[in-house]
Amino acid sequence: MSTTGTHAAPTTRPSRVTAGIPTVVVPPPRIAAVIRNVAWVGIAAHAGFVPMFALLGHPRLAAFNVLSIAMWIAAALANRRDRSTLAMALLTVEVVAHAVLAVLTLGWTSGFQYYLFPLIPFVMFNDRLQSRTVVLISASVFATLMEAARHTLMEIFASSALS
């Protein structure tokens, strides 16, 4: 500090008023909020499916639901760690696998194929995915639904031909 009343020239350039503030604040992905709210519902539903399938005499479906619970918990943890696209992928794979296994085991009338329908808008909520990827995933889910329907119809026709 100068005692003569003159000010010394600044030794450093003055910084901007906004120094230290990020220039772009990236909002969290929309899918993260969806997963955060849906994860607990999925965990609770699959926890309820375990004893239900065990009591109905379907130990394979009960065991699969134990794995489903682990998958939903893993997705919730991935989402919490800002890996929402990974969480979305885990949940999509789980829901498709669960619906297919349940329809193949219990039949079309069980209604498990209806869990595939919400996957299409669920994937669309991921604003980090390219449009092509969303279309590919949605088309794959729809193709899985159609294959489950075809398989069920083939079984119906085969059983009616035998009787």
C-alpha atoms as a PDB file:
ATOM      1  CA  MET A   1       0.000   0.000   0.000  1.00  0.00           C
ATOM      2  CA  SER A   2       1.387   3.379  -0.970  1.00  0.00           C
ATOM      3  CA  THR A   3       1.663   6.076   1.693  1.00  0.00           C
ATOM      4  CA  THR A   4       2.156   8.925  -0.781  1.00  0.00           C
ATOM      5  CA  GLY A   5      -1.460   9.032  -1.848  1.00  0.00           C
ATOM      6  CA  THR A   6      -0.830   7.553  -5.274  1.00  0.00           C
ATOM      7  CA  HIS A   7      -2.149   4.227  -6.193  1.00  0.00           C
ATOM      8  CA  ALA A   8       0.153   1.605  -7.550  1.00  0.00           C
ATOM      9  CA  ALA A   9      -0.758   0.104 -10.889  1.00  0.00           C
ATOM     10  CA  PRO A  10      -2.616  -3.117 -10.474  1.00  0.00           C
ATOM     11  CA  THR A  11      -0.324  -6.081 -10.772  1.00  0.00           C
ATOM     12  CA  THR A  12      -3.073  -8.364 -12.100  1.00  0.00           C
ATOM     13  CA  ARG A  13      -5.838  -7.805 -14.566  1.00  0.00           C
ATOM     14  CA  PRO A  14      -9.170  -7.116 -12.936  1.00  0.00           C
ATOM     15  CA  SER A  15     -11.407 -10.154 -13.202  1.00  0.00           C
ATOM     16  CA  ARG A  16     -14.881 -10.174 -14.626  1.00  0.00           C
ATOM     17  CA  VAL A  17     -17.775  -9.675 -12.309  1.00  0.00           C
ATOM     18  CA  THR A  18     -18.988 -13.145 -13.264  1.00  0.00           C
ATOM     19  CA  ALA A  19     -15.658 -14.860 -12.649  1.00  0.00           C
ATOM     20  CA  GLY A  20     -16.140 -18.242 -11.049  1.00  0.00           C
ATOM     21  CA  ILE A  21     -19.712 -18.638 -12.290  1.00  0.00           C
ATOM     22  CA  PRO A  22     -20.056 -21.338 -14.933  1.00  0.00           C
ATOM     23  CA  THR A  23     -21.005 -19.929 -18.315  1.00  0.00           C
ATOM     24  CA  VAL A  24     -23.524 -22.703 -18.957  1.00  0.00           C
ATOM     25  CA  VAL A  25     -25.442 -24.471 -16.256  1.00  0.00           C
ATOM     26  CA  VAL A  26     -26.537 -27.804 -17.667  1.00  0.00           C
ATOM     27  CA  PRO A  27     -29.896 -28.842 -16.251  1.00  0.00           C
ATOM     28  CA  PRO A  28     -30.297 -32.442 -15.103  1.00  0.00           C
ATOM     29  CA  PRO A  29     -31.815 -34.766 -17.693  1.00  0.00           C
ATOM     30  CA  ARG A  30     -35.614 -35.060 -17.608  1.00  0.00           C
ATOM     31  CA  ILE A  31     -35.339 -38.840 -17.341  1.00  0.00           C
ATOM     32  CA  ALA A  32     -33.516 -38.471 -13.998  1.00  0.00           C
ATOM     33  CA  ALA A  33     -36.630 -37.026 -12.345  1.00  0.00           C
ATOM     34  CA  VAL A  34     -38.797 -39.756 -13.856  1.00  0.00           C
ATOM     35  CA  ILE A  35     -36.485 -42.529 -12.632  1.00  0.00           C
ATOM     36  CA  ARG A  36     -36.153 -40.940  -9.199  1.00  0.00           C
ATOM     37  CA  ASN A  37     -39.935 -41.107  -8.759  1.00  0.00           C
ATOM     38  CA  VAL A  38     -40.611 -44.415 -10.527  1.00  0.00           C
ATOM     39  CA  ALA A  39     -37.795 -46.448  -8.960  1.00  0.00           C
ATOM     40  CA  TRP A  40     -39.507 -46.875  -5.612  1.00  0.00           C
ATOM     41  CA  VAL A  41     -42.728 -48.010  -7.277  1.00  0.00           C
ATOM     42  CA  GLY A  42     -40.816 -50.598  -9.301  1.00  0.00           C
ATOM     43  CA  ILE A  43     -38.922 -51.873  -6.280  1.00  0.00           C
ATOM     44  CA  ALA A  44     -42.134 -52.201  -4.256  1.00  0.00           C
ATOM     45  CA  ALA A  45     -44.031 -53.883  -7.109  1.00  0.00           C
ATOM     46  CA  HIS A  46     -41.319 -56.480  -7.688  1.00  0.00           C
ATOM     47  CA  ALA A  47     -41.015 -57.077  -3.954  1.00  0.00           C
ATOM     48  CA  GLY A  48     -44.734 -57.898  -4.027  1.00  0.00           C
ATOM     49  CA  PHE A  49     -44.335 -60.163  -7.074  1.00  0.00           C
ATOM     50  CA  VAL A  50     -41.801 -62.414  -5.285  1.00  0.00           C
ATOM     51  CA  PRO A  51     -44.229 -63.931  -2.741  1.00  0.00           C
ATOM     52  CA  MET A  52     -47.134 -63.771  -5.202  1.00  0.00           C
ATOM     53  CA  PHE A  53     -45.352 -65.906  -7.796  1.00  0.00           C
ATOM     54  CA  ALA A  54     -43.965 -68.236  -5.115  1.00  0.00           C
ATOM     55  CA  LEU A  55     -47.452 -68.809  -3.704  1.00  0.00           C
ATOM     56  CA  LEU A  56     -48.897 -69.330  -7.193  1.00  0.00           C
ATOM     57  CA  GLY A  57     -46.333 -72.071  -7.872  1.00  0.00           C
ATOM     58  CA  HIS A  58     -44.013 -70.171 -10.226  1.00  0.00           C
ATOM     59  CA  PRO A  59     -40.602 -70.287  -8.506  1.00  0.00           C
ATOM     60  CA  ARG A  60     -38.788 -69.212 -11.693  1.00  0.00           C
ATOM     61  CA  LEU A  61     -40.811 -65.982 -11.843  1.00  0.00           C
ATOM     62  CA  ALA A  62     -40.315 -65.434  -8.099  1.00  0.00           C
ATOM     63  CA  ALA A  63     -36.538 -65.829  -8.495  1.00  0.00           C
ATOM     64  CA  PHE A  64     -36.520 -63.536 -11.510  1.00  0.00           C
ATOM     65  CA  ASN A  65     -38.249 -60.868  -9.441  1.00  0.00           C
ATOM     66  CA  VAL A  66     -35.487 -61.055  -6.844  1.00  0.00           C
ATOM     67  CA  LEU A  67     -33.105 -60.184  -9.692  1.00  0.00           C
ATOM     68  CA  SER A  68     -35.545 -57.498 -10.825  1.00  0.00           C
ATOM     69  CA  ILE A  69     -35.414 -55.842  -7.410  1.00  0.00           C
ATOM     70  CA  ALA A  70     -31.610 -55.781  -7.626  1.00  0.00           C
ATOM     71  CA  MET A  71     -31.827 -54.263 -11.124  1.00  0.00           C
ATOM     72  CA  TRP A  72     -34.228 -51.532  -9.964  1.00  0.00           C
ATOM     73  CA  ILE A  73     -31.981 -50.716  -6.995  1.00  0.00           C
ATOM     74  CA  ALA A  74     -28.947 -50.585  -9.314  1.00  0.00           C
ATOM     75  CA  ALA A  75     -30.852 -48.242 -11.628  1.00  0.00           C
ATOM     76  CA  ALA A  76     -31.840 -45.982  -8.717  1.00  0.00           C
ATOM     77  CA  LEU A  77     -28.205 -45.828  -7.579  1.00  0.00           C
ATOM     78  CA  ALA A  78     -26.936 -45.144 -11.108  1.00  0.00           C
ATOM     79  CA  ASN A  79     -29.508 -42.373 -11.459  1.00  0.00           C
ATOM     80  CA  ARG A  80     -28.435 -40.850  -8.144  1.00  0.00           C
ATOM     81  CA  ARG A  81     -24.841 -40.813  -9.456  1.00  0.00           C
ATOM     82  CA  ASP A  82     -25.901 -38.817 -12.536  1.00  0.00           C
ATOM     83  CA  ARG A  83     -25.898 -41.861 -14.819  1.00  0.00           C
ATOM     84  CA  SER A  84     -29.546 -41.546 -15.829  1.00  0.00           C
ATOM     85  CA  THR A  85     -29.074 -43.025 -19.308  1.00  0.00           C
ATOM     86  CA  LEU A  86     -27.513 -46.145 -17.769  1.00  0.00           C
ATOM     87  CA  ALA A  87     -30.386 -46.283 -15.281  1.00  0.00           C
ATOM     88  CA  MET A  88     -32.906 -45.986 -18.131  1.00  0.00           C
ATOM     89  CA  ALA A  89     -31.161 -48.811 -20.016  1.00  0.00           C
ATOM     90  CA  LEU A  90     -31.204 -51.078 -16.946  1.00  0.00           C
ATOM     91  CA  LEU A  91     -34.906 -50.471 -16.375  1.00  0.00           C
ATOM     92  CA  THR A  92     -35.779 -50.944 -20.045  1.00  0.00           C
ATOM     93  CA  VAL A  93     -33.957 -54.286 -20.205  1.00  0.00           C
ATOM     94  CA  GLU A  94     -35.554 -55.411 -16.951  1.00  0.00           C
ATOM     95  CA  VAL A  95     -39.104 -54.492 -17.960  1.00  0.00           C
ATOM     96  CA  VAL A  96     -38.794 -56.146 -21.385  1.00  0.00           C
ATOM     97  CA  ALA A  97     -37.239 -59.324 -19.926  1.00  0.00           C
ATOM     98  CA  HIS A  98     -39.846 -59.479 -17.151  1.00  0.00           C
ATOM     99  CA  ALA A  99     -42.765 -58.977 -19.515  1.00  0.00           C
ATOM    100  CA  VAL A 100     -41.483 -61.591 -21.966  1.00  0.00           C
ATOM    101  CA  LEU A 101     -40.792 -64.176 -19.255  1.00  0.00           C
ATOM    102  CA  ALA A 102     -44.163 -63.582 -17.602  1.00  0.00           C
ATOM    103  CA  VAL A 103     -46.114 -63.755 -20.875  1.00  0.00           C
ATOM    104  CA  LEU A 104     -44.282 -66.909 -21.970  1.00  0.00           C
ATOM    105  CA  THR A 105     -44.887 -68.516 -18.557  1.00  0.00           C
ATOM    106  CA  LEU A 106     -48.383 -67.291 -17.708  1.00  0.00           C
ATOM    107  CA  GLY A 107     -49.815 -66.457 -21.115  1.00  0.00           C
ATOM    108  CA  TRP A 108     -51.176 -63.361 -22.780  1.00  0.00           C
ATOM    109  CA  THR A 109     -54.140 -63.135 -20.413  1.00  0.00           C
ATOM    110  CA  SER A 110     -51.772 -62.380 -17.517  1.00  0.00           C
ATOM    111  CA  GLY A 111     -51.492 -58.829 -18.872  1.00  0.00           C
ATOM    112  CA  PHE A 112     -47.741 -58.498 -18.354  1.00  0.00           C
ATOM    113  CA  GLN A 113     -47.329 -57.394 -21.965  1.00  0.00           C
ATOM    114  CA  TYR A 114     -48.991 -54.119 -21.001  1.00  0.00           C
ATOM    115  CA  TYR A 115     -45.855 -53.142 -19.064  1.00  0.00           C
ATOM    116  CA  LEU A 116     -44.149 -52.705 -22.446  1.00  0.00           C
ATOM    117  CA  PHE A 117     -46.383 -49.820 -23.550  1.00  0.00           C
ATOM    118  CA  PRO A 118     -45.120 -47.238 -21.006  1.00  0.00           C
ATOM    119  CA  LEU A 119     -41.531 -47.967 -22.024  1.00  0.00           C
ATOM    120  CA  ILE A 120     -41.912 -46.024 -25.264  1.00  0.00           C
ATOM    121  CA  PRO A 121     -42.691 -42.636 -23.652  1.00  0.00           C
ATOM    122  CA  PHE A 122     -40.258 -43.527 -20.834  1.00  0.00           C
ATOM    123  CA  VAL A 123     -37.423 -43.719 -23.374  1.00  0.00           C
ATOM    124  CA  MET A 124     -38.631 -40.499 -25.018  1.00  0.00           C
ATOM    125  CA  PHE A 125     -38.167 -38.656 -21.710  1.00  0.00           C
ATOM    126  CA  ASN A 126     -34.422 -39.134 -22.044  1.00  0.00           C
ATOM    127  CA  ASP A 127     -33.462 -35.859 -23.682  1.00  0.00           C
ATOM    128  CA  ARG A 128     -29.820 -37.005 -23.861  1.00  0.00           C
ATOM    129  CA  LEU A 129     -30.575 -39.705 -26.450  1.00  0.00           C
ATOM    130  CA  GLN A 130     -30.436 -39.056 -30.156  1.00  0.00           C
ATOM    131  CA  SER A 131     -33.739 -39.351 -32.018  1.00  0.00           C
ATOM    132  CA  ARG A 132     -32.463 -42.397 -33.915  1.00  0.00           C
ATOM    133  CA  THR A 133     -31.698 -44.178 -30.659  1.00  0.00           C
ATOM    134  CA  VAL A 134     -35.156 -43.402 -29.269  1.00  0.00           C
ATOM    135  CA  VAL A 135     -36.784 -44.719 -32.448  1.00  0.00           C
ATOM    136  CA  LEU A 136     -34.624 -47.860 -32.397  1.00  0.00           C
ATOM    137  CA  ILE A 137     -35.414 -48.644 -28.751  1.00  0.00           C
ATOM    138  CA  SER A 138     -39.127 -47.896 -29.226  1.00  0.00           C
ATOM    139  CA  ALA A 139     -39.294 -50.062 -32.350  1.00  0.00           C
ATOM    140  CA  SER A 140     -37.503 -52.878 -30.514  1.00  0.00           C
ATOM    141  CA  VAL A 141     -39.963 -52.721 -27.628  1.00  0.00           C
ATOM    142  CA  PHE A 142     -42.879 -52.743 -30.073  1.00  0.00           C
ATOM    143  CA  ALA A 143     -41.344 -55.680 -31.994  1.00  0.00           C
ATOM    144  CA  THR A 144     -40.994 -57.573 -28.710  1.00  0.00           C
ATOM    145  CA  LEU A 145     -44.657 -56.946 -27.988  1.00  0.00           C
ATOM    146  CA  MET A 146     -45.651 -58.203 -31.437  1.00  0.00           C
ATOM    147  CA  GLU A 147     -43.465 -61.311 -31.084  1.00  0.00           C
ATOM    148  CA  ALA A 148     -45.059 -62.103 -27.720  1.00  0.00           C
ATOM    149  CA  ALA A 149     -48.485 -61.760 -29.345  1.00  0.00           C
ATOM    150  CA  ARG A 150     -47.449 -63.979 -32.272  1.00  0.00           C
ATOM    151  CA  HIS A 151     -46.062 -66.613 -29.916  1.00  0.00           C
ATOM    152  CA  THR A 152     -49.256 -66.607 -27.861  1.00  0.00           C
ATOM    153  CA  LEU A 153     -51.431 -66.904 -30.957  1.00  0.00           C
ATOM    154  CA  MET A 154     -49.325 -69.810 -32.216  1.00  0.00           C
ATOM    155  CA  GLU A 155     -49.812 -71.600 -28.897  1.00  0.00           C
ATOM    156  CA  ILE A 156     -53.579 -70.983 -29.013  1.00  0.00           C
ATOM    157  CA  PHE A 157     -53.840 -72.344 -32.550  1.00  0.00           C
ATOM    158  CA  ALA A 158     -51.655 -75.352 -31.717  1.00  0.00           C
ATOM    159  CA  SER A 159     -53.716 -76.232 -28.646  1.00  0.00           C
ATOM    160  CA  SER A 160     -57.029 -75.810 -30.489  1.00  0.00           C
ATOM    161  CA  ALA A 161     -55.770 -78.006 -33.344  1.00  0.00           C
ATOM    162  CA  LEU A 162     -54.968 -80.771 -30.850  1.00  0.00           C
ATOM    163  CA  SER A 163     -58.426 -80.736 -29.294  1.00  0.00           C
END
